Amino acid sequence: MAKIEIYTTPTCPYCHAAKSLLNEKGADYTEITVLDPALREKMTQRANGRRTVPQIFIGETHVGGYDDMAALDRAGGLDPLLAQ
């Protein structure tokens, strides 16, 4: 299974939804909480300027936020990406 990193904050409902979807898929992920400004800056650089959370990376692919990942799942593209 691909390496998954998800940048979050503790109170973000979209972060919780993204983690829930990944849990439903049985995917292991590393959660990076971006309360520290340096971590948020690193996330922003990796996410091509996007500052909102969550930001999800599967392998080398920047999936985007929860809405992006959910759309990818509905289109049938999430499972193959997770299986890499």
PDB file of N, CA and C in Angstrom:
ATOM      1  N   MET A   1       0.839  -1.179   0.000  1.00  0.00           N
ATOM      2  CA  MET A   1       0.000   0.000   0.000  1.00  0.00           C
ATOM      3  C   MET A   1       0.887   1.248   0.000  1.00  0.00           C
ATOM      4  N   ALA A   2       0.401   2.285  -0.628  1.00  0.00           N
ATOM      5  CA  ALA A   2       1.156   3.526  -0.765  1.00  0.00           C
ATOM      6  C   ALA A   2       1.308   4.240   0.578  1.00  0.00           C
ATOM      7  N   LYS A   3       2.370   5.031   0.675  1.00  0.00           N
ATOM      8  CA  LYS A   3       2.564   5.882   1.857  1.00  0.00           C
ATOM      9  C   LYS A   3       1.573   7.037   1.773  1.00  0.00           C
ATOM     10  N   ILE A   4       0.833   7.252   2.859  1.00  0.00           N
ATOM     11  CA  ILE A   4      -0.182   8.306   2.888  1.00  0.00           C
ATOM     12  C   ILE A   4       0.161   9.285   3.997  1.00  0.00           C
ATOM     13  N   GLU A   5       0.154  10.570   3.659  1.00  0.00           N
ATOM     14  CA  GLU A   5       0.356  11.633   4.643  1.00  0.00           C
ATOM     15  C   GLU A   5      -0.823  12.580   4.545  1.00  0.00           C
ATOM     16  N   ILE A   6      -1.376  12.936   5.704  1.00  0.00           N
ATOM     17  CA  ILE A   6      -2.500  13.851   5.735  1.00  0.00           C
ATOM     18  C   ILE A   6      -2.196  14.955   6.748  1.00  0.00           C
ATOM     19  N   TYR A   7      -2.228  16.181   6.255  1.00  0.00           N
ATOM     20  CA  TYR A   7      -2.002  17.358   7.103  1.00  0.00           C
ATOM     21  C   TYR A   7      -3.356  17.792   7.653  1.00  0.00           C
ATOM     22  N   THR A   8      -3.437  17.979   8.973  1.00  0.00           N
ATOM     23  CA  THR A   8      -4.713  18.257   9.625  1.00  0.00           C
ATOM     24  C   THR A   8      -4.583  19.304  10.724  1.00  0.00           C
ATOM     25  N   THR A   9      -5.748  19.699  11.252  1.00  0.00           N
ATOM     26  CA  THR A   9      -5.851  20.397  12.528  1.00  0.00           C
ATOM     27  C   THR A   9      -6.890  19.634  13.349  1.00  0.00           C
ATOM     28  N   PRO A  10      -6.818  19.728  14.672  1.00  0.00           N
ATOM     29  CA  PRO A  10      -7.694  18.913  15.522  1.00  0.00           C
ATOM     30  C   PRO A  10      -9.195  19.173  15.374  1.00  0.00           C
ATOM     31  N   THR A  11      -9.599  20.392  15.058  1.00  0.00           N
ATOM     32  CA  THR A  11     -11.023  20.720  15.046  1.00  0.00           C
ATOM     33  C   THR A  11     -11.642  20.758  13.652  1.00  0.00           C
ATOM     34  N   CYS A  12     -10.913  20.388  12.648  1.00  0.00           N
ATOM     35  CA  CYS A  12     -11.372  20.477  11.256  1.00  0.00           C
ATOM     36  C   CYS A  12     -12.309  19.317  10.902  1.00  0.00           C
ATOM     37  N   PRO A  13     -13.581  19.591  10.589  1.00  0.00           N
ATOM     38  CA  PRO A  13     -14.496  18.504  10.243  1.00  0.00           C
ATOM     39  C   PRO A  13     -14.120  17.790   8.943  1.00  0.00           C
ATOM     40  N   TYR A  14     -13.520  18.504   7.994  1.00  0.00           N
ATOM     41  CA  TYR A  14     -13.096  17.861   6.757  1.00  0.00           C
ATOM     42  C   TYR A  14     -11.918  16.920   6.999  1.00  0.00           C
ATOM     43  N   CYS A  15     -11.080  17.269   7.955  1.00  0.00           N
ATOM     44  CA  CYS A  15      -9.969  16.387   8.337  1.00  0.00           C
ATOM     45  C   CYS A  15     -10.513  15.085   8.910  1.00  0.00           C
ATOM     46  N   HIS A  16     -11.513  15.202   9.771  1.00  0.00           N
ATOM     47  CA  HIS A  16     -12.122  14.012  10.365  1.00  0.00           C
ATOM     48  C   HIS A  16     -12.792  13.157   9.289  1.00  0.00           C
ATOM     49  N   ALA A  17     -13.447  13.796   8.333  1.00  0.00           N
ATOM     50  CA  ALA A  17     -14.091  13.066   7.240  1.00  0.00           C
ATOM     51  C   ALA A  17     -13.051  12.352   6.370  1.00  0.00           C
ATOM     52  N   ALA A  18     -11.939  13.014   6.092  1.00  0.00           N
ATOM     53  CA  ALA A  18     -10.887  12.407   5.286  1.00  0.00           C
ATOM     54  C   ALA A  18     -10.284  11.197   5.994  1.00  0.00           C
ATOM     55  N   LYS A  19     -10.023  11.339   7.281  1.00  0.00           N
ATOM     56  CA  LYS A  19      -9.467  10.210   8.041  1.00  0.00           C
ATOM     57  C   LYS A  19     -10.470   9.065   8.106  1.00  0.00           C
ATOM     58  N   SER A  20     -11.742   9.380   8.228  1.00  0.00           N
ATOM     59  CA  SER A  20     -12.784   8.359   8.259  1.00  0.00           C
ATOM     60  C   SER A  20     -12.820   7.580   6.943  1.00  0.00           C
ATOM     61  N   LEU A  21     -12.748   8.289   5.825  1.00  0.00           N
ATOM     62  CA  LEU A  21     -12.738   7.620   4.522  1.00  0.00           C
ATOM     63  C   LEU A  21     -11.521   6.719   4.381  1.00  0.00           C
ATOM     64  N   LEU A  22     -10.362   7.206   4.784  1.00  0.00           N
ATOM     65  CA  LEU A  22      -9.151   6.380   4.718  1.00  0.00           C
ATOM     66  C   LEU A  22      -9.275   5.170   5.635  1.00  0.00           C
ATOM     67  N   ASN A  23      -9.860   5.359   6.818  1.00  0.00           N
ATOM     68  CA  ASN A  23     -10.062   4.228   7.730  1.00  0.00           C
ATOM     69  C   ASN A  23     -11.009   3.196   7.124  1.00  0.00           C
ATOM     70  N   GLU A  24     -12.081   3.653   6.457  1.00  0.00           N
ATOM     71  CA  GLU A  24     -13.014   2.741   5.786  1.00  0.00           C
ATOM     72  C   GLU A  24     -12.308   1.910   4.727  1.00  0.00           C
ATOM     73  N   LYS A  25     -11.309   2.508   4.094  1.00  0.00           N
ATOM     74  CA  LYS A  25     -10.542   1.814   3.056  1.00  0.00           C
ATOM     75  C   LYS A  25      -9.465   0.903   3.651  1.00  0.00           C
ATOM     76  N   GLY A  26      -9.295   0.956   4.974  1.00  0.00           N
ATOM     77  CA  GLY A  26      -8.258   0.158   5.619  1.00  0.00           C
ATOM     78  C   GLY A  26      -6.864   0.684   5.372  1.00  0.00           C
ATOM     79  N   ALA A  27      -6.761   1.957   5.062  1.00  0.00           N
ATOM     80  CA  ALA A  27      -5.471   2.565   4.724  1.00  0.00           C
ATOM     81  C   ALA A  27      -4.779   3.089   5.979  1.00  0.00           C
ATOM     82  N   ASP A  28      -3.505   2.797   6.084  1.00  0.00           N
ATOM     83  CA  ASP A  28      -2.677   3.372   7.147  1.00  0.00           C
ATOM     84  C   ASP A  28      -2.144   4.713   6.657  1.00  0.00           C
ATOM     85  N   TYR A  29      -2.137   5.691   7.542  1.00  0.00           N
ATOM     86  CA  TYR A  29      -1.661   7.015   7.152  1.00  0.00           C
ATOM     87  C   TYR A  29      -0.908   7.652   8.303  1.00  0.00           C
ATOM     88  N   THR A  30      -0.099   8.622   7.940  1.00  0.00           N
ATOM     89  CA  THR A  30       0.610   9.441   8.913  1.00  0.00           C
ATOM     90  C   THR A  30      -0.108  10.776   8.969  1.00  0.00           C
ATOM     91  N   GLU A  31      -0.530  11.151  10.162  1.00  0.00           N
ATOM     92  CA  GLU A  31      -1.210  12.432  10.353  1.00  0.00           C
ATOM     93  C   GLU A  31      -0.202  13.461  10.848  1.00  0.00           C
ATOM     94  N   ILE A  32      -0.188  14.612  10.202  1.00  0.00           N
ATOM     95  CA  ILE A  32       0.709  15.702  10.569  1.00  0.00           C
ATOM     96  C   ILE A  32      -0.171  16.893  10.958  1.00  0.00           C
ATOM     97  N   THR A  33      -0.183  17.215  12.238  1.00  0.00           N
ATOM     98  CA  THR A  33      -0.984  18.329  12.731  1.00  0.00           C
ATOM     99  C   THR A  33      -0.220  19.622  12.508  1.00  0.00           C
ATOM    100  N   VAL A  34      -0.862  20.584  11.861  1.00  0.00           N
ATOM    101  CA  VAL A  34      -0.164  21.794  11.428  1.00  0.00           C
ATOM    102  C   VAL A  34      -0.483  23.011  12.294  1.00  0.00           C
ATOM    103  N   LEU A  35      -0.544  22.812  13.607  1.00  0.00           N
ATOM    104  CA  LEU A  35      -0.722  23.954  14.502  1.00  0.00           C
ATOM    105  C   LEU A  35       0.553  24.791  14.577  1.00  0.00           C
ATOM    106  N   ASP A  36       1.689  24.151  14.355  1.00  0.00           N
ATOM    107  CA  ASP A  36       2.979  24.843  14.310  1.00  0.00           C
ATOM    108  C   ASP A  36       3.101  25.561  12.958  1.00  0.00           C
ATOM    109  N   PRO A  37       3.352  26.866  12.959  1.00  0.00           N
ATOM    110  CA  PRO A  37       3.449  27.607  11.696  1.00  0.00           C
ATOM    111  C   PRO A  37       4.486  27.034  10.727  1.00  0.00           C
ATOM    112  N   ALA A  38       5.563  26.483  11.234  1.00  0.00           N
ATOM    113  CA  ALA A  38       6.589  25.903  10.347  1.00  0.00           C
ATOM    114  C   ALA A  38       6.042  24.683   9.616  1.00  0.00           C
ATOM    115  N   LEU A  39       5.249  23.864  10.303  1.00  0.00           N
ATOM    116  CA  LEU A  39       4.654  22.694   9.650  1.00  0.00           C
ATOM    117  C   LEU A  39       3.606  23.117   8.626  1.00  0.00           C
ATOM    118  N   ARG A  40       2.841  24.155   8.950  1.00  0.00           N
ATOM    119  CA  ARG A  40       1.844  24.643   7.980  1.00  0.00           C
ATOM    120  C   ARG A  40       2.545  25.191   6.746  1.00  0.00           C
ATOM    121  N   GLU A  41       3.665  25.871   6.928  1.00  0.00           N
ATOM    122  CA  GLU A  41       4.412  26.401   5.788  1.00  0.00           C
ATOM    123  C   GLU A  41       4.940  25.263   4.917  1.00  0.00           C
ATOM    124  N   LYS A  42       5.440  24.204   5.553  1.00  0.00           N
ATOM    125  CA  LYS A  42       5.913  23.045   4.786  1.00  0.00           C
ATOM    126  C   LYS A  42       4.756  22.443   3.988  1.00  0.00           C
ATOM    127  N   MET A  43       3.579  22.311   4.622  1.00  0.00           N
ATOM    128  CA  MET A  43       2.403  21.786   3.936  1.00  0.00           C
ATOM    129  C   MET A  43       2.052  22.670   2.741  1.00  0.00           C
ATOM    130  N   THR A  44       2.051  23.989   2.956  1.00  0.00           N
ATOM    131  CA  THR A  44       1.687  24.930   1.900  1.00  0.00           C
ATOM    132  C   THR A  44       2.628  24.799   0.705  1.00  0.00           C
ATOM    133  N   GLN A  45       3.904  24.643   0.971  1.00  0.00           N
ATOM    134  CA  GLN A  45       4.878  24.464  -0.113  1.00  0.00           C
ATOM    135  C   GLN A  45       4.616  23.167  -0.867  1.00  0.00           C
ATOM    136  N   ARG A  46       4.385  22.078  -0.138  1.00  0.00           N
ATOM    137  CA  ARG A  46       4.128  20.783  -0.782  1.00  0.00           C
ATOM    138  C   ARG A  46       2.826  20.793  -1.574  1.00  0.00           C
ATOM    139  N   ALA A  47       1.844  21.564  -1.096  1.00  0.00           N
ATOM    140  CA  ALA A  47       0.506  21.569  -1.689  1.00  0.00           C
ATOM    141  C   ALA A  47       0.338  22.700  -2.711  1.00  0.00           C
ATOM    142  N   ASN A  48       1.416  23.167  -3.270  1.00  0.00           N
ATOM    143  CA  ASN A  48       1.373  24.190  -4.322  1.00  0.00           C
ATOM    144  C   ASN A  48       0.587  25.432  -3.902  1.00  0.00           C
ATOM    145  N   GLY A  49       0.845  25.876  -2.664  1.00  0.00           N
ATOM    146  CA  GLY A  49       0.250  27.114  -2.182  1.00  0.00           C
ATOM    147  C   GLY A  49      -1.080  26.955  -1.458  1.00  0.00           C
ATOM    148  N   ARG A  50      -1.634  25.773  -1.443  1.00  0.00           N
ATOM    149  CA  ARG A  50      -2.898  25.571  -0.740  1.00  0.00           C
ATOM    150  C   ARG A  50      -2.647  25.569   0.764  1.00  0.00           C
ATOM    151  N   ARG A  51      -3.429  26.387   1.491  1.00  0.00           N
ATOM    152  CA  ARG A  51      -3.212  26.554   2.934  1.00  0.00           C
ATOM    153  C   ARG A  51      -4.281  25.867   3.775  1.00  0.00           C
ATOM    154  N   THR A  52      -5.350  25.393   3.146  1.00  0.00           N
ATOM    155  CA  THR A  52      -6.434  24.777   3.900  1.00  0.00           C
ATOM    156  C   THR A  52      -6.107  23.341   4.256  1.00  0.00           C
ATOM    157  N   VAL A  53      -6.749  22.866   5.313  1.00  0.00           N
ATOM    158  CA  VAL A  53      -6.599  21.468   5.704  1.00  0.00           C
ATOM    159  C   VAL A  53      -7.925  20.754   5.488  1.00  0.00           C
ATOM    160  N   PRO A  54      -7.882  19.464   5.226  1.00  0.00           N
ATOM    161  CA  PRO A  54      -6.683  18.651   5.119  1.00  0.00           C
ATOM    162  C   PRO A  54      -6.018  18.816   3.758  1.00  0.00           C
ATOM    163  N   GLN A  55      -4.754  18.466   3.709  1.00  0.00           N
ATOM    164  CA  GLN A  55      -4.033  18.272   2.456  1.00  0.00           C
ATOM    165  C   GLN A  55      -3.534  16.841   2.493  1.00  0.00           C
ATOM    166  N   ILE A  56      -3.851  16.089   1.460  1.00  0.00           N
ATOM    167  CA  ILE A  56      -3.615  14.647   1.444  1.00  0.00           C
ATOM    168  C   ILE A  56      -2.634  14.300   0.332  1.00  0.00           C
ATOM    169  N   PHE A  57      -1.636  13.496   0.703  1.00  0.00           N
ATOM    170  CA  PHE A  57      -0.639  13.010  -0.243  1.00  0.00           C
ATOM    171  C   PHE A  57      -0.646  11.490  -0.192  1.00  0.00           C
ATOM    172  N   ILE A  58      -0.777  10.874  -1.349  1.00  0.00           N
ATOM    173  CA  ILE A  58      -0.702   9.419  -1.452  1.00  0.00           C
ATOM    174  C   ILE A  58       0.485   9.117  -2.360  1.00  0.00           C
ATOM    175  N   GLY A  59       1.496   8.498  -1.779  1.00  0.00           N
ATOM    176  CA  GLY A  59       2.751   8.336  -2.515  1.00  0.00           C
ATOM    177  C   GLY A  59       3.274   9.721  -2.855  1.00  0.00           C
ATOM    178  N   GLU A  60       3.607   9.943  -4.093  1.00  0.00           N
ATOM    179  CA  GLU A  60       4.095  11.249  -4.547  1.00  0.00           C
ATOM    180  C   GLU A  60       2.962  12.121  -5.084  1.00  0.00           C
ATOM    181  N   THR A  61       1.736  11.620  -5.051  1.00  0.00           N
ATOM    182  CA  THR A  61       0.595  12.337  -5.619  1.00  0.00           C
ATOM    183  C   THR A  61      -0.079  13.226  -4.584  1.00  0.00           C
ATOM    184  N   HIS A  62      -0.214  14.498  -4.908  1.00  0.00           N
ATOM    185  CA  HIS A  62      -0.981  15.413  -4.068  1.00  0.00           C
ATOM    186  C   HIS A  62      -2.444  15.271  -4.473  1.00  0.00           C
ATOM    187  N   VAL A  63      -3.227  14.646  -3.613  1.00  0.00           N
ATOM    188  CA  VAL A  63      -4.638  14.415  -3.902  1.00  0.00           C
ATOM    189  C   VAL A  63      -5.445  15.690  -3.717  1.00  0.00           C
ATOM    190  N   GLY A  64      -5.071  16.506  -2.744  1.00  0.00           N
ATOM    191  CA  GLY A  64      -5.802  17.721  -2.431  1.00  0.00           C
ATOM    192  C   GLY A  64      -6.475  17.581  -1.081  1.00  0.00           C
ATOM    193  N   GLY A  65      -7.672  18.141  -0.958  1.00  0.00           N
ATOM    194  CA  GLY A  65      -8.403  18.088   0.289  1.00  0.00           C
ATOM    195  C   GLY A  65      -9.402  16.945   0.316  1.00  0.00           C
ATOM    196  N   TYR A  66     -10.281  16.978   1.323  1.00  0.00           N
ATOM    197  CA  TYR A  66     -11.267  15.908   1.462  1.00  0.00           C
ATOM    198  C   TYR A  66     -12.189  15.835   0.248  1.00  0.00           C
ATOM    199  N   ASP A  67     -12.712  16.974  -0.206  1.00  0.00           N
ATOM    200  CA  ASP A  67     -13.622  16.962  -1.353  1.00  0.00           C
ATOM    201  C   ASP A  67     -12.949  16.353  -2.578  1.00  0.00           C
ATOM    202  N   ASP A  68     -11.681  16.669  -2.769  1.00  0.00           N
ATOM    203  CA  ASP A  68     -10.929  16.108  -3.900  1.00  0.00           C
ATOM    204  C   ASP A  68     -10.803  14.591  -3.762  1.00  0.00           C
ATOM    205  N   MET A  69     -10.484  14.133  -2.555  1.00  0.00           N
ATOM    206  CA  MET A  69     -10.318  12.699  -2.338  1.00  0.00           C
ATOM    207  C   MET A  69     -11.647  11.964  -2.481  1.00  0.00           C
ATOM    208  N   ALA A  70     -12.731  12.546  -1.968  1.00  0.00           N
ATOM    209  CA  ALA A  70     -14.044  11.918  -2.088  1.00  0.00           C
ATOM    210  C   ALA A  70     -14.475  11.831  -3.559  1.00  0.00           C
ATOM    211  N   ALA A  71     -14.202  12.869  -4.334  1.00  0.00           N
ATOM    212  CA  ALA A  71     -14.522  12.848  -5.765  1.00  0.00           C
ATOM    213  C   ALA A  71     -13.694  11.785  -6.481  1.00  0.00           C
ATOM    214  N   LEU A  72     -12.432  11.680  -6.115  1.00  0.00           N
ATOM    215  CA  LEU A  72     -11.564  10.657  -6.695  1.00  0.00           C
ATOM    216  C   LEU A  72     -12.100   9.263  -6.375  1.00  0.00           C
ATOM    217  N   ASP A  73     -12.589   9.082  -5.155  1.00  0.00           N
ATOM    218  CA  ASP A  73     -13.162   7.795  -4.761  1.00  0.00           C
ATOM    219  C   ASP A  73     -14.414   7.496  -5.569  1.00  0.00           C
ATOM    220  N   ARG A  74     -15.305   8.470  -5.713  1.00  0.00           N
ATOM    221  CA  ARG A  74     -16.537   8.262  -6.493  1.00  0.00           C
ATOM    222  C   ARG A  74     -16.240   7.927  -7.942  1.00  0.00           C
ATOM    223  N   ALA A  75     -15.137   8.472  -8.465  1.00  0.00           N
ATOM    224  CA  ALA A  75     -14.754   8.214  -9.860  1.00  0.00           C
ATOM    225  C   ALA A  75     -13.988   6.895 -10.013  1.00  0.00           C
ATOM    226  N   GLY A  76     -13.734   6.207  -8.898  1.00  0.00           N
ATOM    227  CA  GLY A  76     -13.029   4.929  -8.956  1.00  0.00           C
ATOM    228  C   GLY A  76     -11.522   5.039  -8.993  1.00  0.00           C
ATOM    229  N   GLY A  77     -10.992   6.225  -8.703  1.00  0.00           N
ATOM    230  CA  GLY A  77      -9.551   6.418  -8.787  1.00  0.00           C
ATOM    231  C   GLY A  77      -8.793   6.295  -7.492  1.00  0.00           C
ATOM    232  N   LEU A  78      -9.503   6.261  -6.359  1.00  0.00           N
ATOM    233  CA  LEU A  78      -8.803   6.237  -5.081  1.00  0.00           C
ATOM    234  C   LEU A  78      -8.207   4.866  -4.782  1.00  0.00           C
ATOM    235  N   ASP A  79      -8.971   3.813  -4.966  1.00  0.00           N
ATOM    236  CA  ASP A  79      -8.471   2.470  -4.644  1.00  0.00           C
ATOM    237  C   ASP A  79      -7.196   2.107  -5.402  1.00  0.00           C
ATOM    238  N   PRO A  80      -7.125   2.372  -6.718  1.00  0.00           N
ATOM    239  CA  PRO A  80      -5.859   2.074  -7.417  1.00  0.00           C
ATOM    240  C   PRO A  80      -4.677   2.886  -6.874  1.00  0.00           C
ATOM    241  N   LEU A  81      -4.943   4.126  -6.501  1.00  0.00           N
ATOM    242  CA  LEU A  81      -3.880   4.972  -5.955  1.00  0.00           C
ATOM    243  C   LEU A  81      -3.405   4.417  -4.609  1.00  0.00           C
ATOM    244  N   LEU A  82      -4.336   3.978  -3.791  1.00  0.00           N
ATOM    245  CA  LEU A  82      -3.979   3.402  -2.494  1.00  0.00           C
ATOM    246  C   LEU A  82      -3.202   2.105  -2.643  1.00  0.00           C
ATOM    247  N   ALA A  83      -3.467   1.364  -3.700  1.00  0.00           N
ATOM    248  CA  ALA A  83      -2.843   0.057  -3.911  1.00  0.00           C
ATOM    249  C   ALA A  83      -1.417   0.133  -4.438  1.00  0.00           C
ATOM    250  N   GLN A  84      -0.960   1.321  -4.824  1.00  0.00           N
ATOM    251  CA  GLN A  84       0.395   1.462  -5.378  1.00  0.00           C
ATOM    252  C   GLN A  84       1.443   1.011  -4.410  1.00  0.00           C
TER     253      GLN A  84
END
